[in-house]
Amino acid sequence: DSSIIAGVVQGDSSSQDGVLNSSNTTDFSIERTPLILNPTVDGSYTMKQSLSGTISYSNPNTQNSFTTTYDSNYELAPDITAVAGTYIGPVSLNETVEVTVSPNGDITGHSISGPPATQCTFIGSFKPRTHGNVFNVTITFGGQASCSNGNGTVNGVGVFHAGKLYSAALNSGKTNGVVFIGTKQ
């Protein structure tokens, strides 16, 4: 199902003269155990055109290649009024959530799969960054038994494109997180 992101790779990187690398990468996946792996990334880029490279894992000893192209929509200013609304989408293979983003960037939400008594609730913020068409995301979970993040907080990024809200966020220890693609209702 192309509406589900199975994971996200996040980390700090250094780049110079068309070469990029990261030794503190976190690969968060909802499809495997363990959920978190810590690979390295090495690649090359052409500014505002492309990025390609290899993600290398030590356990198991594997490598995956990737290639991306630059999207000039990044140059647009983020518009919270376009984002404001209610979204429904998966956060795991068996959990769907409803998220509402207010015109000032506040987030409220809850799971809509399973009985109401077991639904995970959360609040947070979706705030425009000062550079790039990207938003800073903070989510704090309600602590219900169904919340895999307990009552913890995750921080990450979000993007709004073509009526869909894409977001990925990890906790401060990079041991858990959330990945979401929601369709505006």
N, C-alpha and C. Protein backbone atom coordinates (compact mmCIF):
# COMPACT_ATOMS: atom_id res chain seq x y z
N ASP A 1 0.85 -1.18 0.00
CA ASP A 1 0.00 0.00 0.00
C ASP A 1 0.89 1.23 0.00
N SER A 2 0.80 2.05 -1.03
CA SER A 2 1.68 3.21 -1.17
C SER A 2 1.33 4.33 -0.21
N SER A 3 0.21 4.24 0.53
CA SER A 3 -0.12 5.28 1.49
C SER A 3 0.56 5.06 2.83
N ILE A 4 1.29 3.97 2.97
CA ILE A 4 1.97 3.68 4.23
C ILE A 4 3.47 3.82 4.03
N ILE A 5 4.09 4.60 4.90
CA ILE A 5 5.55 4.66 4.94
C ILE A 5 5.97 3.66 6.00
N ALA A 6 6.82 2.74 5.64
CA ALA A 6 7.23 1.69 6.57
C ALA A 6 8.30 2.14 7.54
N GLY A 7 8.88 3.30 7.30
CA GLY A 7 9.91 3.79 8.19
C GLY A 7 10.52 5.07 7.69
N VAL A 8 11.53 5.51 8.41
CA VAL A 8 12.20 6.75 8.06
C VAL A 8 13.65 6.67 8.52
N VAL A 9 14.53 7.30 7.76
CA VAL A 9 15.94 7.39 8.13
C VAL A 9 16.21 8.84 8.50
N GLN A 10 16.82 9.06 9.67
CA GLN A 10 17.04 10.40 10.19
C GLN A 10 18.43 10.49 10.77
N GLY A 11 19.04 11.67 10.68
CA GLY A 11 20.34 11.88 11.31
C GLY A 11 20.98 13.18 10.89
N ASP A 12 22.09 13.50 11.52
CA ASP A 12 22.89 14.66 11.13
C ASP A 12 23.88 14.19 10.09
N SER A 13 24.24 15.10 9.20
CA SER A 13 25.21 14.74 8.18
C SER A 13 26.19 15.88 7.98
N SER A 14 27.30 15.55 7.39
CA SER A 14 28.23 16.58 6.96
C SER A 14 28.34 16.48 5.44
N SER A 15 28.49 17.63 4.80
CA SER A 15 28.58 17.63 3.35
C SER A 15 29.55 18.71 2.90
N GLN A 16 30.31 18.38 1.89
CA GLN A 16 31.25 19.34 1.32
C GLN A 16 31.65 18.87 -0.06
N ASP A 17 31.66 19.80 -0.99
CA ASP A 17 32.12 19.53 -2.36
C ASP A 17 31.45 18.32 -3.00
N GLY A 18 30.14 18.19 -2.78
CA GLY A 18 29.39 17.12 -3.42
C GLY A 18 29.44 15.77 -2.72
N VAL A 19 30.06 15.71 -1.53
CA VAL A 19 30.15 14.45 -0.78
C VAL A 19 29.40 14.62 0.54
N LEU A 20 28.59 13.61 0.88
CA LEU A 20 27.78 13.64 2.10
C LEU A 20 28.05 12.37 2.90
N ASN A 21 28.12 12.50 4.25
CA ASN A 21 28.18 11.30 5.08
C ASN A 21 27.56 11.58 6.44
N SER A 22 27.11 10.50 7.07
CA SER A 22 26.52 10.57 8.40
C SER A 22 26.88 9.30 9.16
N SER A 23 27.37 9.49 10.37
CA SER A 23 27.70 8.33 11.21
C SER A 23 26.75 8.20 12.39
N ASN A 24 25.76 9.10 12.51
CA ASN A 24 24.80 8.99 13.62
C ASN A 24 23.37 8.85 13.10
N THR A 25 23.20 8.04 12.09
CA THR A 25 21.90 7.84 11.45
C THR A 25 21.03 6.90 12.28
N THR A 26 19.72 7.18 12.28
CA THR A 26 18.74 6.30 12.91
C THR A 26 17.76 5.85 11.84
N ASP A 27 17.59 4.55 11.71
CA ASP A 27 16.62 3.97 10.78
C ASP A 27 15.49 3.39 11.62
N PHE A 28 14.33 4.03 11.57
CA PHE A 28 13.16 3.63 12.34
C PHE A 28 12.18 2.95 11.40
N SER A 29 11.82 1.70 11.69
CA SER A 29 10.91 0.94 10.83
C SER A 29 9.79 0.33 11.66
N ILE A 30 8.57 0.36 11.12
CA ILE A 30 7.45 -0.29 11.79
C ILE A 30 7.27 -1.73 11.33
N GLU A 31 8.12 -2.19 10.41
CA GLU A 31 7.95 -3.52 9.82
C GLU A 31 8.93 -4.57 10.31
N ARG A 32 9.87 -4.21 11.16
CA ARG A 32 10.87 -5.20 11.57
C ARG A 32 11.14 -5.09 13.06
N THR A 33 11.79 -6.11 13.57
CA THR A 33 12.30 -6.10 14.93
C THR A 33 13.80 -6.31 14.82
N PRO A 34 14.63 -5.46 15.38
CA PRO A 34 14.27 -4.30 16.20
C PRO A 34 13.75 -3.15 15.34
N LEU A 35 12.97 -2.27 15.99
CA LEU A 35 12.41 -1.11 15.29
C LEU A 35 13.49 -0.14 14.84
N ILE A 36 14.57 -0.04 15.63
CA ILE A 36 15.61 0.95 15.40
C ILE A 36 16.92 0.27 15.03
N LEU A 37 17.54 0.75 13.95
CA LEU A 37 18.89 0.35 13.58
C LEU A 37 19.72 1.62 13.41
N ASN A 38 21.03 1.50 13.54
CA ASN A 38 21.91 2.66 13.45
C ASN A 38 22.94 2.48 12.34
N PRO A 39 22.54 2.71 11.09
CA PRO A 39 23.46 2.56 9.97
C PRO A 39 24.33 3.80 9.78
N THR A 40 25.19 3.74 8.79
CA THR A 40 25.92 4.92 8.32
C THR A 40 25.43 5.23 6.91
N VAL A 41 25.61 6.47 6.50
CA VAL A 41 25.19 6.90 5.17
C VAL A 41 26.37 7.59 4.49
N ASP A 42 26.65 7.19 3.27
CA ASP A 42 27.65 7.84 2.44
C ASP A 42 27.03 8.10 1.08
N GLY A 43 27.28 9.30 0.54
CA GLY A 43 26.67 9.60 -0.74
C GLY A 43 27.29 10.79 -1.42
N SER A 44 26.65 11.17 -2.51
CA SER A 44 27.08 12.34 -3.26
C SER A 44 25.84 13.14 -3.65
N TYR A 45 26.05 14.42 -3.90
CA TYR A 45 24.93 15.28 -4.26
C TYR A 45 25.37 16.33 -5.27
N THR A 46 24.40 16.79 -6.00
CA THR A 46 24.54 17.97 -6.84
C THR A 46 23.50 18.95 -6.32
N MET A 47 23.96 20.08 -5.81
CA MET A 47 23.09 21.03 -5.13
C MET A 47 21.86 21.37 -5.96
N LYS A 48 20.69 21.26 -5.33
CA LYS A 48 19.39 21.55 -5.93
C LYS A 48 19.11 20.71 -7.17
N GLN A 49 19.72 19.50 -7.24
CA GLN A 49 19.44 18.60 -8.35
C GLN A 49 19.20 17.17 -7.89
N SER A 50 20.18 16.58 -7.17
CA SER A 50 20.04 15.17 -6.82
C SER A 50 20.88 14.80 -5.60
N LEU A 51 20.53 13.66 -5.01
CA LEU A 51 21.26 13.07 -3.89
C LEU A 51 21.19 11.57 -4.07
N SER A 52 22.32 10.90 -3.98
CA SER A 52 22.34 9.44 -4.06
C SER A 52 23.38 8.92 -3.09
N GLY A 53 23.20 7.67 -2.69
CA GLY A 53 24.16 7.13 -1.74
C GLY A 53 23.84 5.72 -1.33
N THR A 54 24.51 5.32 -0.24
CA THR A 54 24.37 3.97 0.30
C THR A 54 24.16 4.06 1.80
N ILE A 55 23.20 3.30 2.30
CA ILE A 55 22.97 3.14 3.73
C ILE A 55 23.57 1.79 4.10
N SER A 56 24.53 1.80 5.04
CA SER A 56 25.24 0.57 5.41
C SER A 56 24.91 0.17 6.84
N TYR A 57 24.52 -1.09 7.01
CA TYR A 57 24.16 -1.65 8.31
C TYR A 57 25.22 -2.65 8.74
N SER A 58 25.55 -2.64 10.03
CA SER A 58 26.54 -3.60 10.52
C SER A 58 25.89 -4.90 10.98
N ASN A 59 24.63 -4.84 11.41
CA ASN A 59 23.95 -6.05 11.89
C ASN A 59 22.49 -5.99 11.47
N PRO A 60 22.06 -6.67 10.45
CA PRO A 60 22.87 -7.56 9.61
C PRO A 60 23.74 -6.74 8.66
N ASN A 61 24.80 -7.35 8.18
CA ASN A 61 25.76 -6.69 7.30
C ASN A 61 25.15 -6.55 5.90
N THR A 62 24.45 -5.43 5.69
CA THR A 62 23.79 -5.19 4.40
C THR A 62 23.96 -3.73 4.00
N GLN A 63 23.70 -3.48 2.73
CA GLN A 63 23.73 -2.12 2.20
C GLN A 63 22.52 -1.92 1.31
N ASN A 64 21.98 -0.71 1.34
CA ASN A 64 20.88 -0.32 0.46
C ASN A 64 21.26 0.98 -0.23
N SER A 65 21.02 1.04 -1.52
CA SER A 65 21.30 2.25 -2.28
C SER A 65 20.04 3.08 -2.43
N PHE A 66 20.21 4.39 -2.59
CA PHE A 66 19.08 5.27 -2.82
C PHE A 66 19.48 6.37 -3.79
N THR A 67 18.48 6.91 -4.49
CA THR A 67 18.65 8.04 -5.38
C THR A 67 17.42 8.93 -5.25
N THR A 68 17.64 10.22 -5.10
CA THR A 68 16.53 11.16 -5.00
C THR A 68 16.77 12.32 -5.96
N THR A 69 15.71 13.04 -6.26
CA THR A 69 15.83 14.26 -7.05
C THR A 69 15.28 15.43 -6.26
N TYR A 70 15.81 16.58 -6.51
CA TYR A 70 15.41 17.80 -5.80
C TYR A 70 14.00 18.22 -6.22
N ASP A 71 13.22 18.67 -5.24
CA ASP A 71 11.87 19.17 -5.50
C ASP A 71 11.87 20.66 -5.19
N SER A 72 11.64 21.48 -6.20
CA SER A 72 11.70 22.94 -6.02
C SER A 72 10.58 23.46 -5.10
N ASN A 73 9.59 22.64 -4.76
CA ASN A 73 8.58 23.06 -3.79
C ASN A 73 9.20 23.39 -2.44
N TYR A 74 10.40 22.87 -2.19
CA TYR A 74 11.11 23.18 -0.96
C TYR A 74 11.36 24.69 -0.83
N GLU A 75 11.48 25.38 -1.94
CA GLU A 75 11.77 26.82 -1.93
C GLU A 75 10.55 27.66 -1.54
N LEU A 76 9.36 27.08 -1.57
CA LEU A 76 8.15 27.82 -1.21
C LEU A 76 8.11 28.07 0.29
N ALA A 77 7.40 29.11 0.68
CA ALA A 77 7.21 29.39 2.11
C ALA A 77 6.16 28.43 2.66
N PRO A 78 6.38 27.86 3.86
CA PRO A 78 5.37 26.98 4.44
C PRO A 78 4.10 27.78 4.78
N ASP A 79 2.94 27.20 4.52
CA ASP A 79 1.66 27.89 4.69
C ASP A 79 0.77 27.09 5.63
N ILE A 80 0.73 27.49 6.91
CA ILE A 80 -0.06 26.76 7.90
C ILE A 80 -1.55 26.84 7.60
N THR A 81 -2.01 27.90 6.95
CA THR A 81 -3.45 27.98 6.64
C THR A 81 -3.84 26.93 5.60
N ALA A 82 -2.93 26.57 4.70
CA ALA A 82 -3.21 25.50 3.74
C ALA A 82 -3.23 24.15 4.43
N VAL A 83 -2.42 24.01 5.48
CA VAL A 83 -2.32 22.74 6.20
C VAL A 83 -3.52 22.52 7.12
N ALA A 84 -4.04 23.60 7.71
CA ALA A 84 -5.11 23.49 8.71
C ALA A 84 -6.25 22.61 8.20
N GLY A 85 -6.67 21.68 9.06
CA GLY A 85 -7.75 20.77 8.70
C GLY A 85 -7.60 19.44 9.41
N THR A 86 -8.43 18.49 9.03
CA THR A 86 -8.42 17.16 9.64
C THR A 86 -7.91 16.14 8.63
N TYR A 87 -7.06 15.23 9.11
CA TYR A 87 -6.42 14.21 8.29
C TYR A 87 -6.66 12.84 8.89
N ILE A 88 -6.78 11.85 8.04
CA ILE A 88 -6.89 10.46 8.48
C ILE A 88 -5.83 9.66 7.74
N GLY A 89 -5.12 8.80 8.50
CA GLY A 89 -4.11 7.98 7.87
C GLY A 89 -3.49 6.99 8.84
N PRO A 90 -2.72 6.06 8.30
CA PRO A 90 -2.10 5.02 9.13
C PRO A 90 -0.84 5.52 9.85
N VAL A 91 -0.60 4.96 11.03
CA VAL A 91 0.67 5.16 11.74
C VAL A 91 1.38 3.83 11.97
N SER A 92 0.71 2.75 11.66
CA SER A 92 1.30 1.42 11.71
C SER A 92 0.47 0.51 10.82
N LEU A 93 0.87 -0.73 10.75
CA LEU A 93 0.15 -1.67 9.89
C LEU A 93 -1.27 -1.91 10.37
N ASN A 94 -1.54 -1.69 11.68
CA ASN A 94 -2.88 -1.97 12.20
C ASN A 94 -3.46 -0.83 13.02
N GLU A 95 -2.96 0.40 12.82
CA GLU A 95 -3.53 1.54 13.55
C GLU A 95 -3.68 2.73 12.62
N THR A 96 -4.88 3.31 12.65
CA THR A 96 -5.19 4.51 11.88
C THR A 96 -5.54 5.62 12.86
N VAL A 97 -5.12 6.85 12.55
CA VAL A 97 -5.40 7.98 13.43
C VAL A 97 -6.09 9.10 12.68
N GLU A 98 -6.77 9.93 13.46
CA GLU A 98 -7.35 11.18 12.95
C GLU A 98 -6.60 12.32 13.62
N VAL A 99 -6.07 13.23 12.82
CA VAL A 99 -5.27 14.35 13.31
C VAL A 99 -5.91 15.65 12.83
N THR A 100 -6.08 16.60 13.74
CA THR A 100 -6.56 17.93 13.36
C THR A 100 -5.46 18.94 13.62
N VAL A 101 -5.16 19.74 12.60
CA VAL A 101 -4.19 20.83 12.71
C VAL A 101 -4.98 22.13 12.65
N SER A 102 -4.86 22.95 13.70
CA SER A 102 -5.59 24.22 13.74
C SER A 102 -4.86 25.27 12.90
N PRO A 103 -5.53 26.39 12.58
CA PRO A 103 -4.88 27.45 11.79
C PRO A 103 -3.66 28.07 12.48
N ASN A 104 -3.52 27.88 13.80
CA ASN A 104 -2.31 28.39 14.47
C ASN A 104 -1.28 27.29 14.69
N GLY A 105 -1.53 26.08 14.16
CA GLY A 105 -0.54 25.01 14.20
C GLY A 105 -0.64 24.06 15.38
N ASP A 106 -1.71 24.14 16.17
CA ASP A 106 -1.89 23.17 17.26
C ASP A 106 -2.41 21.86 16.69
N ILE A 107 -1.95 20.74 17.27
CA ILE A 107 -2.37 19.40 16.84
C ILE A 107 -3.18 18.75 17.95
N THR A 108 -4.29 18.11 17.57
CA THR A 108 -5.01 17.20 18.46
C THR A 108 -5.31 15.96 17.64
N GLY A 109 -5.35 14.81 18.31
CA GLY A 109 -5.65 13.61 17.55
C GLY A 109 -5.90 12.41 18.43
N HIS A 110 -6.34 11.34 17.76
CA HIS A 110 -6.61 10.08 18.45
C HIS A 110 -6.66 8.96 17.43
N SER A 111 -6.40 7.75 17.92
CA SER A 111 -6.53 6.60 17.04
C SER A 111 -8.01 6.35 16.78
N ILE A 112 -8.32 5.86 15.59
CA ILE A 112 -9.71 5.58 15.25
C ILE A 112 -9.92 4.10 14.96
N SER A 113 -8.87 3.32 15.13
CA SER A 113 -9.01 1.87 15.00
C SER A 113 -9.10 1.29 16.41
N GLY A 114 -9.93 0.30 16.58
CA GLY A 114 -10.11 -0.30 17.90
C GLY A 114 -11.20 0.39 18.68
N PRO A 115 -11.61 -0.20 19.81
CA PRO A 115 -12.68 0.38 20.62
C PRO A 115 -12.24 1.70 21.26
N PRO A 116 -13.19 2.65 21.46
CA PRO A 116 -12.84 3.97 22.02
C PRO A 116 -12.04 3.91 23.32
N ALA A 117 -12.32 2.95 24.17
CA ALA A 117 -11.63 2.87 25.46
C ALA A 117 -10.14 2.58 25.30
N THR A 118 -9.73 2.05 24.16
CA THR A 118 -8.32 1.71 23.97
C THR A 118 -7.60 2.69 23.04
N GLN A 119 -8.27 3.75 22.62
CA GLN A 119 -7.67 4.67 21.66
C GLN A 119 -6.60 5.54 22.30
N CYS A 120 -5.51 5.71 21.58
CA CYS A 120 -4.42 6.58 21.99
C CYS A 120 -4.77 8.02 21.60
N THR A 121 -4.58 8.96 22.51
CA THR A 121 -4.80 10.37 22.21
C THR A 121 -3.46 11.09 22.22
N PHE A 122 -3.40 12.24 21.55
CA PHE A 122 -2.16 13.01 21.52
C PHE A 122 -2.46 14.47 21.20
N ILE A 123 -1.53 15.33 21.60
CA ILE A 123 -1.59 16.76 21.30
C ILE A 123 -0.21 17.19 20.83
N GLY A 124 -0.13 18.37 20.25
CA GLY A 124 1.19 18.83 19.82
C GLY A 124 1.12 20.09 19.00
N SER A 125 2.18 20.28 18.20
CA SER A 125 2.26 21.48 17.36
C SER A 125 2.86 21.14 16.00
N PHE A 126 2.47 21.94 15.03
CA PHE A 126 2.91 21.81 13.64
C PHE A 126 3.25 23.22 13.19
N LYS A 127 4.52 23.63 13.36
CA LYS A 127 4.92 25.03 13.18
C LYS A 127 5.86 25.20 11.99
N PRO A 128 5.61 26.23 11.17
CA PRO A 128 6.47 26.47 10.00
C PRO A 128 7.91 26.76 10.40
N ARG A 129 8.85 26.22 9.63
CA ARG A 129 10.26 26.56 9.80
C ARG A 129 10.53 27.90 9.12
N THR A 130 11.62 28.52 9.50
CA THR A 130 11.96 29.81 8.89
C THR A 130 12.58 29.65 7.52
N HIS A 131 13.07 28.45 7.19
CA HIS A 131 13.69 28.22 5.89
C HIS A 131 13.19 26.88 5.33
N GLY A 132 12.72 26.90 4.12
CA GLY A 132 12.25 25.68 3.47
C GLY A 132 10.78 25.43 3.74
N ASN A 133 10.13 24.75 2.84
CA ASN A 133 8.71 24.45 2.94
C ASN A 133 8.51 23.20 3.81
N VAL A 134 8.89 23.35 5.08
CA VAL A 134 8.90 22.25 6.04
C VAL A 134 8.37 22.78 7.37
N PHE A 135 7.81 21.87 8.17
CA PHE A 135 7.26 22.24 9.48
C PHE A 135 7.97 21.45 10.57
N ASN A 136 8.16 22.07 11.74
CA ASN A 136 8.63 21.37 12.93
C ASN A 136 7.42 20.74 13.60
N VAL A 137 7.53 19.48 13.98
CA VAL A 137 6.43 18.74 14.58
C VAL A 137 6.82 18.29 15.98
N THR A 138 5.93 18.52 16.94
CA THR A 138 6.08 18.00 18.30
C THR A 138 4.77 17.33 18.68
N ILE A 139 4.83 16.10 19.18
CA ILE A 139 3.63 15.37 19.58
C ILE A 139 3.87 14.77 20.97
N THR A 140 2.92 14.97 21.87
CA THR A 140 2.95 14.36 23.20
C THR A 140 1.76 13.42 23.31
N PHE A 141 2.02 12.18 23.69
CA PHE A 141 1.00 11.14 23.73
C PHE A 141 0.30 11.10 25.08
N GLY A 142 -0.95 10.59 25.08
CA GLY A 142 -1.80 10.62 26.26
C GLY A 142 -1.54 9.57 27.30
N GLY A 143 -0.68 8.60 27.03
CA GLY A 143 -0.34 7.60 28.03
C GLY A 143 -1.27 6.41 28.11
N GLN A 144 -2.27 6.32 27.24
CA GLN A 144 -3.16 5.16 27.24
C GLN A 144 -2.35 3.91 26.91
N ALA A 145 -2.86 2.76 27.31
CA ALA A 145 -2.15 1.50 27.09
C ALA A 145 -1.85 1.25 25.62
N SER A 146 -2.68 1.78 24.72
CA SER A 146 -2.48 1.56 23.29
C SER A 146 -1.43 2.49 22.68
N CYS A 147 -0.92 3.46 23.44
CA CYS A 147 0.08 4.39 22.92
C CYS A 147 1.46 3.75 23.02
N SER A 148 2.04 3.37 21.88
CA SER A 148 3.36 2.74 21.91
C SER A 148 4.42 3.69 22.44
N ASN A 149 4.15 4.99 22.39
CA ASN A 149 5.07 5.98 22.93
C ASN A 149 4.69 6.38 24.36
N GLY A 150 3.76 5.64 24.99
CA GLY A 150 3.35 5.93 26.37
C GLY A 150 2.84 7.35 26.50
N ASN A 151 3.42 8.10 27.44
CA ASN A 151 3.08 9.52 27.57
C ASN A 151 4.26 10.38 27.13
N GLY A 152 5.10 9.82 26.27
CA GLY A 152 6.30 10.50 25.80
C GLY A 152 6.02 11.54 24.73
N THR A 153 7.08 12.24 24.38
CA THR A 153 7.03 13.29 23.36
C THR A 153 8.00 12.93 22.24
N VAL A 154 7.58 13.17 21.00
CA VAL A 154 8.44 12.98 19.84
C VAL A 154 8.57 14.31 19.10
N ASN A 155 9.70 14.50 18.44
CA ASN A 155 9.96 15.71 17.65
C ASN A 155 10.45 15.30 16.28
N GLY A 156 10.03 16.06 15.27
CA GLY A 156 10.47 15.74 13.92
C GLY A 156 10.05 16.78 12.92
N VAL A 157 9.77 16.31 11.71
CA VAL A 157 9.45 17.21 10.60
C VAL A 157 8.14 16.79 9.94
N GLY A 158 7.54 17.75 9.26
CA GLY A 158 6.34 17.48 8.49
C GLY A 158 6.36 18.25 7.20
N VAL A 159 5.67 17.71 6.20
CA VAL A 159 5.55 18.34 4.89
C VAL A 159 4.10 18.20 4.45
N PHE A 160 3.56 19.24 3.84
CA PHE A 160 2.22 19.20 3.26
C PHE A 160 2.36 19.29 1.75
N HIS A 161 1.77 18.32 1.04
CA HIS A 161 1.86 18.32 -0.41
C HIS A 161 0.63 17.63 -1.01
N ALA A 162 -0.03 18.31 -1.91
CA ALA A 162 -1.15 17.74 -2.68
C ALA A 162 -2.21 17.10 -1.79
N GLY A 163 -2.60 17.81 -0.72
CA GLY A 163 -3.67 17.32 0.14
C GLY A 163 -3.27 16.24 1.12
N LYS A 164 -1.97 15.97 1.21
CA LYS A 164 -1.49 14.96 2.16
C LYS A 164 -0.51 15.59 3.14
N LEU A 165 -0.57 15.09 4.36
CA LEU A 165 0.33 15.51 5.42
C LEU A 165 1.28 14.37 5.71
N TYR A 166 2.57 14.62 5.54
CA TYR A 166 3.62 13.62 5.78
C TYR A 166 4.39 14.06 7.01
N SER A 167 4.60 13.15 7.96
CA SER A 167 5.32 13.52 9.17
C SER A 167 6.09 12.33 9.72
N ALA A 168 7.26 12.63 10.27
CA ALA A 168 8.08 11.61 10.94
C ALA A 168 8.72 12.26 12.15
N ALA A 169 8.65 11.59 13.30
CA ALA A 169 9.20 12.15 14.53
C ALA A 169 9.70 11.03 15.43
N LEU A 170 10.80 11.29 16.13
CA LEU A 170 11.41 10.32 17.05
C LEU A 170 11.46 10.92 18.46
N ASN A 171 11.52 10.04 19.47
CA ASN A 171 11.72 10.53 20.83
C ASN A 171 13.18 10.95 21.01
N SER A 172 13.49 11.59 22.13
CA SER A 172 14.84 12.14 22.31
C SER A 172 15.92 11.07 22.36
N GLY A 173 15.58 9.87 22.82
CA GLY A 173 16.55 8.78 22.85
C GLY A 173 16.65 8.02 21.54
N LYS A 174 15.84 8.42 20.56
CA LYS A 174 15.78 7.75 19.26
C LYS A 174 15.50 6.25 19.40
N THR A 175 14.60 5.92 20.35
CA THR A 175 14.23 4.52 20.57
C THR A 175 12.81 4.22 20.14
N ASN A 176 12.03 5.25 19.82
CA ASN A 176 10.65 5.06 19.37
C ASN A 176 10.23 6.32 18.62
N GLY A 177 9.13 6.23 17.92
CA GLY A 177 8.67 7.39 17.17
C GLY A 177 7.36 7.13 16.48
N VAL A 178 7.07 7.98 15.50
CA VAL A 178 5.84 7.86 14.74
C VAL A 178 6.09 8.33 13.30
N VAL A 179 5.47 7.63 12.36
CA VAL A 179 5.50 8.00 10.95
C VAL A 179 4.05 8.06 10.49
N PHE A 180 3.68 9.14 9.79
CA PHE A 180 2.27 9.36 9.44
C PHE A 180 2.15 9.94 8.04
N ILE A 181 1.22 9.40 7.26
CA ILE A 181 0.76 10.02 6.02
C ILE A 181 -0.75 10.13 6.14
N GLY A 182 -1.24 11.36 6.20
CA GLY A 182 -2.68 11.56 6.34
C GLY A 182 -3.26 12.27 5.14
N THR A 183 -4.47 11.89 4.79
CA THR A 183 -5.19 12.53 3.69
C THR A 183 -6.18 13.53 4.28
N LYS A 184 -6.16 14.75 3.74
CA LYS A 184 -7.05 15.80 4.23
C LYS A 184 -8.49 15.43 3.92
N GLN A 185 -9.34 15.61 4.92
CA GLN A 185 -10.76 15.25 4.79
C GLN A 185 -11.58 16.41 4.27
